[in-house]
Amino acid sequence: MGYDVTQVQKTLAGFQYPGGPEDLASHASSNGADQQLVDTLKNMDKQQFDGPNAVMAKLSEAGVLGGSSN
């Protein structure tokens, strides 16, 4: 089971790229992300993300993205 793609996108909506993992985690937290997602974002092994596609690609690569819930 992974994070719902749509939910991840909602928690990152409005983020001003570029940004690092700590910035993403803080933004997601302020947008209501659960603590597990916040921790996952905070611990991503990349210095900086230049846009949402880079974040989603990294989450996908880590195997933590799921589909939409039924």
PDB file of N, CA and C in Angstrom:
ATOM      1  N   MET A   1       0.848  -1.190   0.000  1.00  0.00           N
ATOM      2  CA  MET A   1       0.000   0.000   0.000  1.00  0.00           C
ATOM      3  C   MET A   1       0.886   1.244   0.000  1.00  0.00           C
ATOM      4  N   GLY A   2       0.535   2.202  -0.817  1.00  0.00           N
ATOM      5  CA  GLY A   2       1.321   3.422  -0.900  1.00  0.00           C
ATOM      6  C   GLY A   2       0.451   4.639  -0.689  1.00  0.00           C
ATOM      7  N   TYR A   3       1.078   5.784  -0.798  1.00  0.00           N
ATOM      8  CA  TYR A   3       0.347   7.043  -0.680  1.00  0.00           C
ATOM      9  C   TYR A   3      -0.479   7.270  -1.929  1.00  0.00           C
ATOM     10  N   ASP A   4      -1.669   7.799  -1.753  1.00  0.00           N
ATOM     11  CA  ASP A   4      -2.541   8.150  -2.860  1.00  0.00           C
ATOM     12  C   ASP A   4      -1.934   9.341  -3.611  1.00  0.00           C
ATOM     13  N   VAL A   5      -1.740   9.175  -4.906  1.00  0.00           N
ATOM     14  CA  VAL A   5      -1.102  10.205  -5.733  1.00  0.00           C
ATOM     15  C   VAL A   5      -1.828  11.540  -5.614  1.00  0.00           C
ATOM     16  N   THR A   6      -3.135  11.514  -5.693  1.00  0.00           N
ATOM     17  CA  THR A   6      -3.922  12.748  -5.624  1.00  0.00           C
ATOM     18  C   THR A   6      -3.739  13.434  -4.277  1.00  0.00           C
ATOM     19  N   GLN A   7      -3.717  12.637  -3.198  1.00  0.00           N
ATOM     20  CA  GLN A   7      -3.545  13.216  -1.870  1.00  0.00           C
ATOM     21  C   GLN A   7      -2.167  13.855  -1.721  1.00  0.00           C
ATOM     22  N   VAL A   8      -1.136  13.198  -2.251  1.00  0.00           N
ATOM     23  CA  VAL A   8       0.214  13.771  -2.195  1.00  0.00           C
ATOM     24  C   VAL A   8       0.233  15.092  -2.951  1.00  0.00           C
ATOM     25  N   GLN A   9      -0.371  15.123  -4.120  1.00  0.00           N
ATOM     26  CA  GLN A   9      -0.411  16.348  -4.912  1.00  0.00           C
ATOM     27  C   GLN A   9      -1.143  17.468  -4.174  1.00  0.00           C
ATOM     28  N   LYS A  10      -2.220  17.123  -3.477  1.00  0.00           N
ATOM     29  CA  LYS A  10      -2.970  18.128  -2.707  1.00  0.00           C
ATOM     30  C   LYS A  10      -2.127  18.705  -1.579  1.00  0.00           C
ATOM     31  N   THR A  11      -1.366  17.855  -0.898  1.00  0.00           N
ATOM     32  CA  THR A  11      -0.572  18.353   0.227  1.00  0.00           C
ATOM     33  C   THR A  11       0.608  19.203  -0.238  1.00  0.00           C
ATOM     34  N   LEU A  12       1.020  19.026  -1.489  1.00  0.00           N
ATOM     35  CA  LEU A  12       2.131  19.820  -2.027  1.00  0.00           C
ATOM     36  C   LEU A  12       1.661  21.021  -2.842  1.00  0.00           C
ATOM     37  N   ALA A  13       0.355  21.168  -3.009  1.00  0.00           N
ATOM     38  CA  ALA A  13      -0.192  22.278  -3.795  1.00  0.00           C
ATOM     39  C   ALA A  13       0.263  23.612  -3.219  1.00  0.00           C
ATOM     40  N   GLY A  14       0.710  24.490  -4.096  1.00  0.00           N
ATOM     41  CA  GLY A  14       1.127  25.823  -3.696  1.00  0.00           C
ATOM     42  C   GLY A  14       2.574  25.931  -3.250  1.00  0.00           C
ATOM     43  N   PHE A  15       3.294  24.817  -3.247  1.00  0.00           N
ATOM     44  CA  PHE A  15       4.701  24.861  -2.843  1.00  0.00           C
ATOM     45  C   PHE A  15       5.506  25.640  -3.866  1.00  0.00           C
ATOM     46  N   GLN A  16       6.387  26.494  -3.386  1.00  0.00           N
ATOM     47  CA  GLN A  16       7.224  27.312  -4.271  1.00  0.00           C
ATOM     48  C   GLN A  16       8.551  26.600  -4.526  1.00  0.00           C
ATOM     49  N   TYR A  17       8.663  25.966  -5.677  1.00  0.00           N
ATOM     50  CA  TYR A  17       9.895  25.264  -6.061  1.00  0.00           C
ATOM     51  C   TYR A  17      10.922  26.279  -6.538  1.00  0.00           C
ATOM     52  N   PRO A  18      12.202  25.970  -6.450  1.00  0.00           N
ATOM     53  CA  PRO A  18      12.786  24.722  -5.959  1.00  0.00           C
ATOM     54  C   PRO A  18      12.789  24.678  -4.435  1.00  0.00           C
ATOM     55  N   GLY A  19      12.934  23.461  -3.916  1.00  0.00           N
ATOM     56  CA  GLY A  19      12.960  23.285  -2.476  1.00  0.00           C
ATOM     57  C   GLY A  19      13.523  21.937  -2.106  1.00  0.00           C
ATOM     58  N   GLY A  20      13.951  21.831  -0.885  1.00  0.00           N
ATOM     59  CA  GLY A  20      14.525  20.591  -0.381  1.00  0.00           C
ATOM     60  C   GLY A  20      13.514  19.770   0.394  1.00  0.00           C
ATOM     61  N   PRO A  21      13.935  18.600   0.823  1.00  0.00           N
ATOM     62  CA  PRO A  21      13.044  17.697   1.555  1.00  0.00           C
ATOM     63  C   PRO A  21      12.419  18.314   2.807  1.00  0.00           C
ATOM     64  N   GLU A  22      13.191  19.062   3.588  1.00  0.00           N
ATOM     65  CA  GLU A  22      12.658  19.691   4.809  1.00  0.00           C
ATOM     66  C   GLU A  22      11.554  20.695   4.455  1.00  0.00           C
ATOM     67  N   ASP A  23      11.790  21.470   3.385  1.00  0.00           N
ATOM     68  CA  ASP A  23      10.794  22.458   2.949  1.00  0.00           C
ATOM     69  C   ASP A  23       9.507  21.773   2.500  1.00  0.00           C
ATOM     70  N   LEU A  24       9.661  20.705   1.732  1.00  0.00           N
ATOM     71  CA  LEU A  24       8.496  19.954   1.261  1.00  0.00           C
ATOM     72  C   LEU A  24       7.716  19.377   2.436  1.00  0.00           C
ATOM     73  N   ALA A  25       8.428  18.794   3.385  1.00  0.00           N
ATOM     74  CA  ALA A  25       7.781  18.179   4.549  1.00  0.00           C
ATOM     75  C   ALA A  25       7.007  19.217   5.358  1.00  0.00           C
ATOM     76  N   SER A  26       7.615  20.371   5.560  1.00  0.00           N
ATOM     77  CA  SER A  26       6.958  21.434   6.317  1.00  0.00           C
ATOM     78  C   SER A  26       5.695  21.913   5.605  1.00  0.00           C
ATOM     79  N   HIS A  27       5.796  22.099   4.297  1.00  0.00           N
ATOM     80  CA  HIS A  27       4.645  22.551   3.508  1.00  0.00           C
ATOM     81  C   HIS A  27       3.529  21.505   3.546  1.00  0.00           C
ATOM     82  N   ALA A  28       3.898  20.249   3.349  1.00  0.00           N
ATOM     83  CA  ALA A  28       2.895  19.175   3.361  1.00  0.00           C
ATOM     84  C   ALA A  28       2.204  19.098   4.716  1.00  0.00           C
ATOM     85  N   SER A  29       2.970  19.242   5.779  1.00  0.00           N
ATOM     86  CA  SER A  29       2.402  19.207   7.123  1.00  0.00           C
ATOM     87  C   SER A  29       1.383  20.324   7.316  1.00  0.00           C
ATOM     88  N   SER A  30       1.726  21.518   6.843  1.00  0.00           N
ATOM     89  CA  SER A  30       0.808  22.649   6.985  1.00  0.00           C
ATOM     90  C   SER A  30      -0.434  22.497   6.115  1.00  0.00           C
ATOM     91  N   ASN A  31      -0.358  21.601   5.125  1.00  0.00           N
ATOM     92  CA  ASN A  31      -1.514  21.329   4.271  1.00  0.00           C
ATOM     93  C   ASN A  31      -2.272  20.078   4.702  1.00  0.00           C
ATOM     94  N   GLY A  32      -1.975  19.554   5.884  1.00  0.00           N
ATOM     95  CA  GLY A  32      -2.750  18.451   6.431  1.00  0.00           C
ATOM     96  C   GLY A  32      -2.254  17.052   6.123  1.00  0.00           C
ATOM     97  N   ALA A  33      -1.022  16.917   5.647  1.00  0.00           N
ATOM     98  CA  ALA A  33      -0.485  15.578   5.368  1.00  0.00           C
ATOM     99  C   ALA A  33      -0.328  14.810   6.669  1.00  0.00           C
ATOM    100  N   ASP A  34      -0.517  13.485   6.604  1.00  0.00           N
ATOM    101  CA  ASP A  34      -0.296  12.689   7.804  1.00  0.00           C
ATOM    102  C   ASP A  34       1.196  12.609   8.112  1.00  0.00           C
ATOM    103  N   GLN A  35       1.510  12.287   9.347  1.00  0.00           N
ATOM    104  CA  GLN A  35       2.895  12.320   9.800  1.00  0.00           C
ATOM    105  C   GLN A  35       3.789  11.366   9.016  1.00  0.00           C
ATOM    106  N   GLN A  36       3.248  10.239   8.594  1.00  0.00           N
ATOM    107  CA  GLN A  36       4.049   9.274   7.837  1.00  0.00           C
ATOM    108  C   GLN A  36       4.511   9.877   6.502  1.00  0.00           C
ATOM    109  N   LEU A  37       3.616  10.570   5.816  1.00  0.00           N
ATOM    110  CA  LEU A  37       3.996  11.217   4.557  1.00  0.00           C
ATOM    111  C   LEU A  37       5.003  12.340   4.820  1.00  0.00           C
ATOM    112  N   VAL A  38       4.783  13.116   5.862  1.00  0.00           N
ATOM    113  CA  VAL A  38       5.712  14.191   6.214  1.00  0.00           C
ATOM    114  C   VAL A  38       7.105  13.608   6.438  1.00  0.00           C
ATOM    115  N   ASP A  39       7.185  12.515   7.192  1.00  0.00           N
ATOM    116  CA  ASP A  39       8.480  11.882   7.461  1.00  0.00           C
ATOM    117  C   ASP A  39       9.113  11.340   6.186  1.00  0.00           C
ATOM    118  N   THR A  40       8.300  10.772   5.306  1.00  0.00           N
ATOM    119  CA  THR A  40       8.815  10.252   4.040  1.00  0.00           C
ATOM    120  C   THR A  40       9.412  11.377   3.200  1.00  0.00           C
ATOM    121  N   LEU A  41       8.699  12.489   3.109  1.00  0.00           N
ATOM    122  CA  LEU A  41       9.204  13.635   2.344  1.00  0.00           C
ATOM    123  C   LEU A  41      10.494  14.171   2.961  1.00  0.00           C
ATOM    124  N   LYS A  42      10.514  14.280   4.278  1.00  0.00           N
ATOM    125  CA  LYS A  42      11.672  14.821   4.979  1.00  0.00           C
ATOM    126  C   LYS A  42      12.918  13.971   4.763  1.00  0.00           C
ATOM    127  N   ASN A  43      12.731  12.672   4.602  1.00  0.00           N
ATOM    128  CA  ASN A  43      13.860  11.745   4.500  1.00  0.00           C
ATOM    129  C   ASN A  43      14.241  11.367   3.074  1.00  0.00           C
ATOM    130  N   MET A  44      13.657  12.040   2.070  1.00  0.00           N
ATOM    131  CA  MET A  44      14.025  11.730   0.697  1.00  0.00           C
ATOM    132  C   MET A  44      15.479  12.117   0.447  1.00  0.00           C
ATOM    133  N   ASP A  45      16.197  11.256  -0.273  1.00  0.00           N
ATOM    134  CA  ASP A  45      17.638  11.446  -0.469  1.00  0.00           C
ATOM    135  C   ASP A  45      17.961  12.238  -1.736  1.00  0.00           C
ATOM    136  N   LYS A  46      17.495  13.462  -1.737  1.00  0.00           N
ATOM    137  CA  LYS A  46      17.818  14.380  -2.828  1.00  0.00           C
ATOM    138  C   LYS A  46      17.917  15.769  -2.224  1.00  0.00           C
ATOM    139  N   GLN A  47      18.906  16.528  -2.642  1.00  0.00           N
ATOM    140  CA  GLN A  47      19.145  17.853  -2.069  1.00  0.00           C
ATOM    141  C   GLN A  47      18.030  18.848  -2.374  1.00  0.00           C
ATOM    142  N   GLN A  48      17.556  18.834  -3.637  1.00  0.00           N
ATOM    143  CA  GLN A  48      16.603  19.843  -4.069  1.00  0.00           C
ATOM    144  C   GLN A  48      15.708  19.290  -5.164  1.00  0.00           C
ATOM    145  N   PHE A  49      14.466  19.731  -5.147  1.00  0.00           N
ATOM    146  CA  PHE A  49      13.487  19.345  -6.159  1.00  0.00           C
ATOM    147  C   PHE A  49      13.082  20.585  -6.927  1.00  0.00           C
ATOM    148  N   ASP A  50      13.084  20.463  -8.276  1.00  0.00           N
ATOM    149  CA  ASP A  50      12.782  21.641  -9.092  1.00  0.00           C
ATOM    150  C   ASP A  50      11.323  21.737  -9.502  1.00  0.00           C
ATOM    151  N   GLY A  51      10.515  20.751  -9.125  1.00  0.00           N
ATOM    152  CA  GLY A  51       9.099  20.794  -9.440  1.00  0.00           C
ATOM    153  C   GLY A  51       8.390  19.556  -8.934  1.00  0.00           C
ATOM    154  N   PRO A  52       7.066  19.561  -9.028  1.00  0.00           N
ATOM    155  CA  PRO A  52       6.290  18.436  -8.501  1.00  0.00           C
ATOM    156  C   PRO A  52       6.592  17.108  -9.196  1.00  0.00           C
ATOM    157  N   ASN A  53       6.931  17.142 -10.480  1.00  0.00           N
ATOM    158  CA  ASN A  53       7.244  15.895 -11.173  1.00  0.00           C
ATOM    159  C   ASN A  53       8.468  15.216 -10.565  1.00  0.00           C
ATOM    160  N   ALA A  54       9.441  16.015 -10.145  1.00  0.00           N
ATOM    161  CA  ALA A  54      10.648  15.458  -9.524  1.00  0.00           C
ATOM    162  C   ALA A  54      10.310  14.797  -8.190  1.00  0.00           C
ATOM    163  N   VAL A  55       9.409  15.409  -7.435  1.00  0.00           N
ATOM    164  CA  VAL A  55       8.992  14.826  -6.155  1.00  0.00           C
ATOM    165  C   VAL A  55       8.256  13.512  -6.398  1.00  0.00           C
ATOM    166  N   MET A  56       7.316  13.530  -7.323  1.00  0.00           N
ATOM    167  CA  MET A  56       6.530  12.322  -7.587  1.00  0.00           C
ATOM    168  C   MET A  56       7.416  11.209  -8.135  1.00  0.00           C
ATOM    169  N   ALA A  57       8.381  11.563  -8.965  1.00  0.00           N
ATOM    170  CA  ALA A  57       9.295  10.559  -9.506  1.00  0.00           C
ATOM    171  C   ALA A  57      10.104   9.920  -8.383  1.00  0.00           C
ATOM    172  N   LYS A  58      10.568  10.721  -7.432  1.00  0.00           N
ATOM    173  CA  LYS A  58      11.360  10.200  -6.326  1.00  0.00           C
ATOM    174  C   LYS A  58      10.512   9.309  -5.424  1.00  0.00           C
ATOM    175  N   LEU A  59       9.280   9.705  -5.162  1.00  0.00           N
ATOM    176  CA  LEU A  59       8.381   8.882  -4.354  1.00  0.00           C
ATOM    177  C   LEU A  59       8.066   7.567  -5.068  1.00  0.00           C
ATOM    178  N   SER A  60       7.867   7.637  -6.370  1.00  0.00           N
ATOM    179  CA  SER A  60       7.605   6.443  -7.163  1.00  0.00           C
ATOM    180  C   SER A  60       8.809   5.509  -7.136  1.00  0.00           C
ATOM    181  N   GLU A  61       9.993   6.070  -7.319  1.00  0.00           N
ATOM    182  CA  GLU A  61      11.230   5.325  -7.284  1.00  0.00           C
ATOM    183  C   GLU A  61      11.403   4.615  -5.942  1.00  0.00           C
ATOM    184  N   ALA A  62      10.967   5.249  -4.876  1.00  0.00           N
ATOM    185  CA  ALA A  62      11.061   4.680  -3.528  1.00  0.00           C
ATOM    186  C   ALA A  62       9.990   3.615  -3.283  1.00  0.00           C
ATOM    187  N   GLY A  63       9.038   3.511  -4.220  1.00  0.00           N
ATOM    188  CA  GLY A  63       7.984   2.497  -4.089  1.00  0.00           C
ATOM    189  C   GLY A  63       6.906   2.830  -3.071  1.00  0.00           C
ATOM    190  N   VAL A  64       6.703   4.115  -2.805  1.00  0.00           N
ATOM    191  CA  VAL A  64       5.726   4.497  -1.784  1.00  0.00           C
ATOM    192  C   VAL A  64       4.456   5.123  -2.352  1.00  0.00           C
ATOM    193  N   LEU A  65       4.332   5.158  -3.666  1.00  0.00           N
ATOM    194  CA  LEU A  65       3.107   5.691  -4.264  1.00  0.00           C
ATOM    195  C   LEU A  65       2.160   4.562  -4.624  1.00  0.00           C
ATOM    196  N   GLY A  66       0.900   4.764  -4.297  1.00  0.00           N
ATOM    197  CA  GLY A  66      -0.140   3.839  -4.701  1.00  0.00           C
ATOM    198  C   GLY A  66      -1.044   4.535  -5.688  1.00  0.00           C
ATOM    199  N   GLY A  67      -2.127   3.910  -6.008  1.00  0.00           N
ATOM    200  CA  GLY A  67      -3.102   4.536  -6.899  1.00  0.00           C
ATOM    201  C   GLY A  67      -4.113   5.307  -6.098  1.00  0.00           C
ATOM    202  N   SER A  68      -5.185   5.648  -6.738  1.00  0.00           N
ATOM    203  CA  SER A  68      -6.292   6.287  -6.033  1.00  0.00           C
ATOM    204  C   SER A  68      -7.035   5.215  -5.257  1.00  0.00           C
ATOM    205  N   SER A  69      -7.625   5.618  -4.146  1.00  0.00           N
ATOM    206  CA  SER A  69      -8.396   4.643  -3.367  1.00  0.00           C
ATOM    207  C   SER A  69      -9.728   4.400  -4.047  1.00  0.00           C
ATOM    208  N   ASN A  70     -10.271   3.202  -3.855  1.00  0.00           N
ATOM    209  CA  ASN A  70     -11.534   2.816  -4.506  1.00  0.00           C
ATOM    210  C   ASN A  70     -12.708   3.441  -3.857  1.00  0.00           C
TER     211      ASN A  70
END
